[in-house]
Amino acid sequence: MNQTQQHQVGRQLRDQQLDMFEHRDTEFLSRCRTLAVEICRTSATGTVSINDIRPLCPRPSGTHPSVYGSVFKGKAFRAVGYTEAVHPEAHARVVRVYALRLEA
């Protein structure tokens, strides 16, 4: 399997996992998204990242930390930049910064 094929398989596996979270953790993700919209609307920059959501919307017991990857999935948000994750377990990995998608 070449690198392009490996990349495609990796994306498929990620998307399957995020879809599972969408169905299983609907209420949690709805709370996170509502909070993310509010942060975008009230912050000076008009942006939000998972760094803003994690401390204000802790994941339910027994929920995998990857559930946070589904928060910005969908049409409401658009990626506008990058920052480093601030929770220690992330080892300062890069995470996206989002803004609300402009409505047509």
C-alpha atoms as a PDB file:
ATOM      1  CA  MET A   1       0.000   0.000   0.000  1.00  0.00           C
ATOM      2  CA  ASN A   2       1.509   3.333  -1.040  1.00  0.00           C
ATOM      3  CA  GLN A   3       1.353   6.547   1.013  1.00  0.00           C
ATOM      4  CA  THR A   4      -1.659   7.925  -0.840  1.00  0.00           C
ATOM      5  CA  GLN A   5      -3.613   4.738  -0.176  1.00  0.00           C
ATOM      6  CA  GLN A   6      -2.536   4.737   3.475  1.00  0.00           C
ATOM      7  CA  HIS A   7      -3.683   8.342   3.792  1.00  0.00           C
ATOM      8  CA  GLN A   8      -7.069   7.482   2.281  1.00  0.00           C
ATOM      9  CA  VAL A   9      -7.532   4.538   4.627  1.00  0.00           C
ATOM     10  CA  GLY A  10      -6.576   6.714   7.584  1.00  0.00           C
ATOM     11  CA  ARG A  11      -9.169   9.331   6.604  1.00  0.00           C
ATOM     12  CA  GLN A  12     -11.833   6.647   6.209  1.00  0.00           C
ATOM     13  CA  LEU A  13     -11.088   5.229   9.656  1.00  0.00           C
ATOM     14  CA  ARG A  14     -11.181   8.707  11.196  1.00  0.00           C
ATOM     15  CA  ASP A  15     -14.472   9.555   9.509  1.00  0.00           C
ATOM     16  CA  GLN A  16     -16.044   6.272  10.636  1.00  0.00           C
ATOM     17  CA  GLN A  17     -15.060   6.996  14.234  1.00  0.00           C
ATOM     18  CA  LEU A  18     -16.380  10.572  14.077  1.00  0.00           C
ATOM     19  CA  ASP A  19     -19.657   9.326  12.569  1.00  0.00           C
ATOM     20  CA  MET A  20     -19.998   6.874  15.459  1.00  0.00           C
ATOM     21  CA  PHE A  21     -19.560   9.740  17.932  1.00  0.00           C
ATOM     22  CA  GLU A  22     -22.229  11.735  16.068  1.00  0.00           C
ATOM     23  CA  HIS A  23     -24.770   8.980  16.691  1.00  0.00           C
ATOM     24  CA  ARG A  24     -23.705   7.901  20.159  1.00  0.00           C
ATOM     25  CA  ASP A  25     -22.838  11.253  21.786  1.00  0.00           C
ATOM     26  CA  THR A  26     -25.386  13.556  20.176  1.00  0.00           C
ATOM     27  CA  GLU A  27     -26.349  15.496  23.304  1.00  0.00           C
ATOM     28  CA  PHE A  28     -22.759  16.091  24.386  1.00  0.00           C
ATOM     29  CA  LEU A  29     -21.739  17.282  20.919  1.00  0.00           C
ATOM     30  CA  SER A  30     -24.777  19.558  20.731  1.00  0.00           C
ATOM     31  CA  ARG A  31     -23.751  21.231  24.013  1.00  0.00           C
ATOM     32  CA  CYS A  32     -20.180  21.644  22.771  1.00  0.00           C
ATOM     33  CA  ARG A  33     -21.316  23.132  19.452  1.00  0.00           C
ATOM     34  CA  THR A  34     -23.715  25.551  21.123  1.00  0.00           C
ATOM     35  CA  LEU A  35     -20.864  26.719  23.334  1.00  0.00           C
ATOM     36  CA  ALA A  36     -18.512  27.010  20.337  1.00  0.00           C
ATOM     37  CA  VAL A  37     -21.014  29.191  18.458  1.00  0.00           C
ATOM     38  CA  GLU A  38     -21.416  31.430  21.512  1.00  0.00           C
ATOM     39  CA  ILE A  39     -17.648  31.785  21.872  1.00  0.00           C
ATOM     40  CA  CYS A  40     -17.300  32.730  18.202  1.00  0.00           C
ATOM     41  CA  ARG A  41     -20.025  35.337  18.526  1.00  0.00           C
ATOM     42  CA  THR A  42     -18.659  36.916  21.694  1.00  0.00           C
ATOM     43  CA  SER A  43     -14.885  36.662  21.398  1.00  0.00           C
ATOM     44  CA  ALA A  44     -12.821  39.565  20.134  1.00  0.00           C
ATOM     45  CA  THR A  45     -11.324  37.369  17.400  1.00  0.00           C
ATOM     46  CA  GLY A  46     -14.553  35.641  16.391  1.00  0.00           C
ATOM     47  CA  THR A  47     -12.779  32.292  16.621  1.00  0.00           C
ATOM     48  CA  VAL A  48     -12.777  29.166  18.760  1.00  0.00           C
ATOM     49  CA  SER A  49     -10.631  26.081  19.179  1.00  0.00           C
ATOM     50  CA  ILE A  50     -11.004  22.907  21.163  1.00  0.00           C
ATOM     51  CA  ASN A  51      -8.852  24.600  23.814  1.00  0.00           C
ATOM     52  CA  ASP A  52     -11.851  26.826  24.564  1.00  0.00           C
ATOM     53  CA  ILE A  53     -14.346  23.954  24.693  1.00  0.00           C
ATOM     54  CA  ARG A  54     -12.578  21.289  26.750  1.00  0.00           C
ATOM     55  CA  PRO A  55     -12.529  23.117  30.111  1.00  0.00           C
ATOM     56  CA  LEU A  56     -16.110  24.376  29.773  1.00  0.00           C
ATOM     57  CA  CYS A  57     -17.703  21.182  28.489  1.00  0.00           C
ATOM     58  CA  PRO A  58     -16.038  18.163  30.114  1.00  0.00           C
ATOM     59  CA  ARG A  59     -16.714  14.874  28.384  1.00  0.00           C
ATOM     60  CA  PRO A  60     -19.038  12.416  30.076  1.00  0.00           C
ATOM     61  CA  SER A  61     -17.528   9.556  32.040  1.00  0.00           C
ATOM     62  CA  GLY A  62     -16.740   6.618  29.790  1.00  0.00           C
ATOM     63  CA  THR A  63     -16.554   8.763  26.646  1.00  0.00           C
ATOM     64  CA  HIS A  64     -13.335   8.555  24.645  1.00  0.00           C
ATOM     65  CA  PRO A  65     -11.326  11.816  24.416  1.00  0.00           C
ATOM     66  CA  SER A  66     -11.500  11.596  20.612  1.00  0.00           C
ATOM     67  CA  VAL A  67     -15.149  12.639  20.817  1.00  0.00           C
ATOM     68  CA  TYR A  68     -13.899  16.238  20.852  1.00  0.00           C
ATOM     69  CA  GLY A  69     -12.770  15.684  17.252  1.00  0.00           C
ATOM     70  CA  SER A  70     -16.421  15.765  16.185  1.00  0.00           C
ATOM     71  CA  VAL A  71     -17.252  19.159  17.677  1.00  0.00           C
ATOM     72  CA  PHE A  72     -16.359  21.176  14.573  1.00  0.00           C
ATOM     73  CA  LYS A  73     -17.512  18.606  12.028  1.00  0.00           C
ATOM     74  CA  GLY A  74     -20.281  19.885   9.790  1.00  0.00           C
ATOM     75  CA  LYS A  75     -21.202  23.065   7.984  1.00  0.00           C
ATOM     76  CA  ALA A  76     -21.393  25.545  10.875  1.00  0.00           C
ATOM     77  CA  PHE A  77     -17.639  26.082  11.209  1.00  0.00           C
ATOM     78  CA  ARG A  78     -14.721  26.724   8.894  1.00  0.00           C
ATOM     79  CA  ALA A  79     -11.050  26.283   9.732  1.00  0.00           C
ATOM     80  CA  VAL A  80      -9.161  29.589   9.784  1.00  0.00           C
ATOM     81  CA  GLY A  81      -5.869  28.777  11.480  1.00  0.00           C
ATOM     82  CA  TYR A  82      -3.912  26.637  13.894  1.00  0.00           C
ATOM     83  CA  THR A  83      -2.762  26.716  17.496  1.00  0.00           C
ATOM     84  CA  GLU A  84      -1.275  24.236  19.943  1.00  0.00           C
ATOM     85  CA  ALA A  85      -3.430  22.125  22.228  1.00  0.00           C
ATOM     86  CA  VAL A  86      -3.035  23.223  25.845  1.00  0.00           C
ATOM     87  CA  HIS A  87      -4.058  20.095  27.772  1.00  0.00           C
ATOM     88  CA  PRO A  88      -0.932  18.180  28.816  1.00  0.00           C
ATOM     89  CA  GLU A  89      -2.030  14.839  27.336  1.00  0.00           C
ATOM     90  CA  ALA A  90      -1.916  16.379  23.847  1.00  0.00           C
ATOM     91  CA  HIS A  91       1.818  17.108  24.054  1.00  0.00           C
ATOM     92  CA  ALA A  92       1.252  20.535  22.415  1.00  0.00           C
ATOM     93  CA  ARG A  93       0.032  19.005  19.152  1.00  0.00           C
ATOM     94  CA  VAL A  94      -1.423  21.315  16.549  1.00  0.00           C
ATOM     95  CA  VAL A  95      -5.200  21.854  16.552  1.00  0.00           C
ATOM     96  CA  ARG A  96      -7.329  23.936  14.233  1.00  0.00           C
ATOM     97  CA  VAL A  97      -8.916  27.279  15.022  1.00  0.00           C
ATOM     98  CA  TYR A  98     -12.424  27.809  13.652  1.00  0.00           C
ATOM     99  CA  ALA A  99     -14.801  30.636  12.827  1.00  0.00           C
ATOM    100  CA  LEU A 100     -18.474  30.493  12.036  1.00  0.00           C
ATOM    101  CA  ARG A 101     -19.159  29.864   8.388  1.00  0.00           C
ATOM    102  CA  LEU A 102     -20.817  32.865   6.779  1.00  0.00           C
ATOM    103  CA  GLU A 103     -24.401  32.154   5.877  1.00  0.00           C
ATOM    104  CA  ALA A 104     -25.337  32.650   2.229  1.00  0.00           C
END
